[in-house]
């Protein structure tokens, strides 16, 4: 029923396995470091690249929206862009919803100069 004094005194000094299981910080710190380098850092890099792409969006670019719609940018505002998806059909979209810029056209930029 109760532990005898001989059984209570059988615990020896802490070994190396007790160090790893006794201190959760030893496991948590490397796990957080791995989590940061495998998940958080690449996501931040993708977010910066997407913001740069959206910031460089200009008239004449062929874009793909998050919904899969492909069109040509006809006007760019601060937070919105107008995209022509068919002849005479223009929609207004939030610039953050642009997932890809397929082709950048330089001819429209040259036309506006001259």
Protein backbone atom coordinates (compact mmCIF):
# COMPACT_ATOMS: atom_id res chain seq x y z
CA UNK A 1 0.00 0.00 0.00
CA UNK A 2 2.68 2.54 0.93
CA UNK A 3 6.13 2.68 -0.61
CA UNK A 4 8.84 1.30 1.58
CA UNK A 5 11.77 3.57 2.47
CA UNK A 6 14.03 1.43 0.28
CA UNK A 7 11.88 2.00 -2.82
CA UNK A 8 11.61 5.74 -2.18
CA UNK A 9 15.40 6.09 -2.11
CA UNK A 10 16.07 4.26 -5.39
CA UNK A 11 15.97 7.38 -7.55
CA UNK A 12 19.50 8.11 -8.64
CA UNK A 13 21.08 11.29 -9.98
CA UNK A 14 19.56 12.86 -13.08
CA UNK A 15 21.00 11.41 -16.27
CA UNK A 16 21.15 12.91 -19.77
CA UNK A 17 17.71 11.60 -20.66
CA UNK A 18 16.21 13.40 -17.65
CA UNK A 19 17.70 16.67 -18.89
CA UNK A 20 15.82 16.46 -22.20
CA UNK A 21 12.53 15.33 -20.72
CA UNK A 22 12.74 17.48 -17.60
CA UNK A 23 13.26 20.82 -19.36
CA UNK A 24 10.71 21.63 -22.08
CA UNK A 25 12.62 24.74 -23.18
CA UNK A 26 15.39 22.56 -24.54
CA UNK A 27 12.90 21.11 -27.03
CA UNK A 28 10.74 24.22 -27.60
CA UNK A 29 13.48 26.66 -28.60
CA UNK A 30 14.87 24.59 -31.51
CA UNK A 31 11.30 23.73 -32.55
CA UNK A 32 10.38 27.43 -32.70
CA UNK A 33 13.55 28.14 -34.68
CA UNK A 34 12.67 25.40 -37.16
CA UNK A 35 9.08 26.67 -37.35
CA UNK A 36 10.33 30.20 -38.07
CA UNK A 37 12.72 29.20 -40.86
CA UNK A 38 10.37 26.68 -42.49
CA UNK A 39 7.04 28.55 -42.33
CA UNK A 40 7.14 32.19 -41.19
CA UNK A 41 10.18 33.45 -43.11
CA UNK A 42 9.18 32.06 -46.55
CA UNK A 43 5.64 33.42 -46.08
CA UNK A 44 7.01 36.89 -45.32
CA UNK A 45 9.19 36.70 -48.44
CA UNK A 46 6.20 35.74 -50.62
CA UNK A 47 4.17 38.58 -49.11
CA UNK A 48 6.89 41.14 -49.89
CA UNK A 49 7.19 39.85 -53.47
CA UNK A 50 3.39 40.07 -53.94
CA UNK A 51 3.29 43.62 -52.56
CA UNK A 52 6.10 44.63 -54.93
CA UNK A 53 4.26 43.03 -57.87
CA UNK A 54 1.02 44.83 -56.98
CA UNK A 55 2.89 48.08 -56.44
CA UNK A 56 4.46 47.85 -59.93
CA UNK A 57 1.13 47.13 -61.62
CA UNK A 58 0.56 49.46 -64.57
CA UNK A 59 -1.76 50.00 -67.49
CA UNK A 60 -1.41 47.39 -70.22
CA UNK A 61 -0.26 44.52 -68.01
CA UNK A 62 -1.93 41.15 -68.54
CA UNK A 63 -2.92 39.83 -65.12
CA UNK A 64 -4.46 36.74 -63.56
CA UNK A 65 -6.84 37.36 -60.67
CA UNK A 66 -7.27 35.04 -57.68
CA UNK A 67 -10.52 33.80 -59.21
CA UNK A 68 -8.66 32.69 -62.36
CA UNK A 69 -9.94 35.50 -64.57
CA UNK A 70 -7.36 36.76 -67.07
CA UNK A 71 -7.51 40.31 -68.33
CA UNK A 72 -5.63 43.44 -69.26
CA UNK A 73 -5.24 46.36 -66.86
CA UNK A 74 -6.83 49.53 -68.22
CA UNK A 75 -6.56 51.78 -65.17
CA UNK A 76 -4.68 51.65 -61.85
CA UNK A 77 -5.71 53.55 -58.70
CA UNK A 78 -4.28 53.44 -55.19
CA UNK A 79 -6.09 50.30 -54.02
CA UNK A 80 -8.10 49.28 -57.08
CA UNK A 81 -7.52 48.50 -60.73
CA UNK A 82 -9.82 48.22 -63.71
CA UNK A 83 -9.29 45.07 -65.74
CA UNK A 84 -10.72 44.45 -69.19
CA UNK A 85 -11.74 40.80 -69.31
CA UNK A 86 -13.45 40.90 -72.73
CA UNK A 87 -13.96 43.40 -75.52
CA UNK A 88 -15.79 46.30 -73.84
CA UNK A 89 -16.21 44.50 -70.48
CA UNK A 90 -14.23 46.17 -67.71
CA UNK A 91 -14.37 45.17 -64.07
CA UNK A 92 -13.02 46.95 -61.01
CA UNK A 93 -10.90 44.75 -58.71
CA UNK A 94 -8.91 45.23 -55.54
CA UNK A 95 -5.22 45.24 -56.46
CA UNK A 96 -4.40 42.69 -53.75
CA UNK A 97 -6.53 40.13 -55.64
CA UNK A 98 -4.05 40.08 -58.55
CA UNK A 99 -2.19 36.79 -58.21
CA UNK A 100 0.10 36.97 -61.23
CA UNK A 101 1.30 39.41 -63.87
CA UNK A 102 1.73 37.41 -67.08
CA UNK A 103 2.98 39.99 -69.55
CA UNK A 104 4.19 43.52 -69.11
CA UNK A 105 3.68 45.68 -72.16
CA UNK A 106 6.06 48.51 -72.91
CA UNK A 107 4.21 49.81 -75.98
CA UNK A 108 1.53 51.61 -73.98
CA UNK A 109 4.19 53.31 -71.85
CA UNK A 110 5.93 54.44 -75.06
CA UNK A 111 2.65 55.69 -76.56
CA UNK A 112 1.93 57.92 -73.58
CA UNK A 113 5.31 59.67 -73.98
CA UNK A 114 4.81 60.71 -77.58
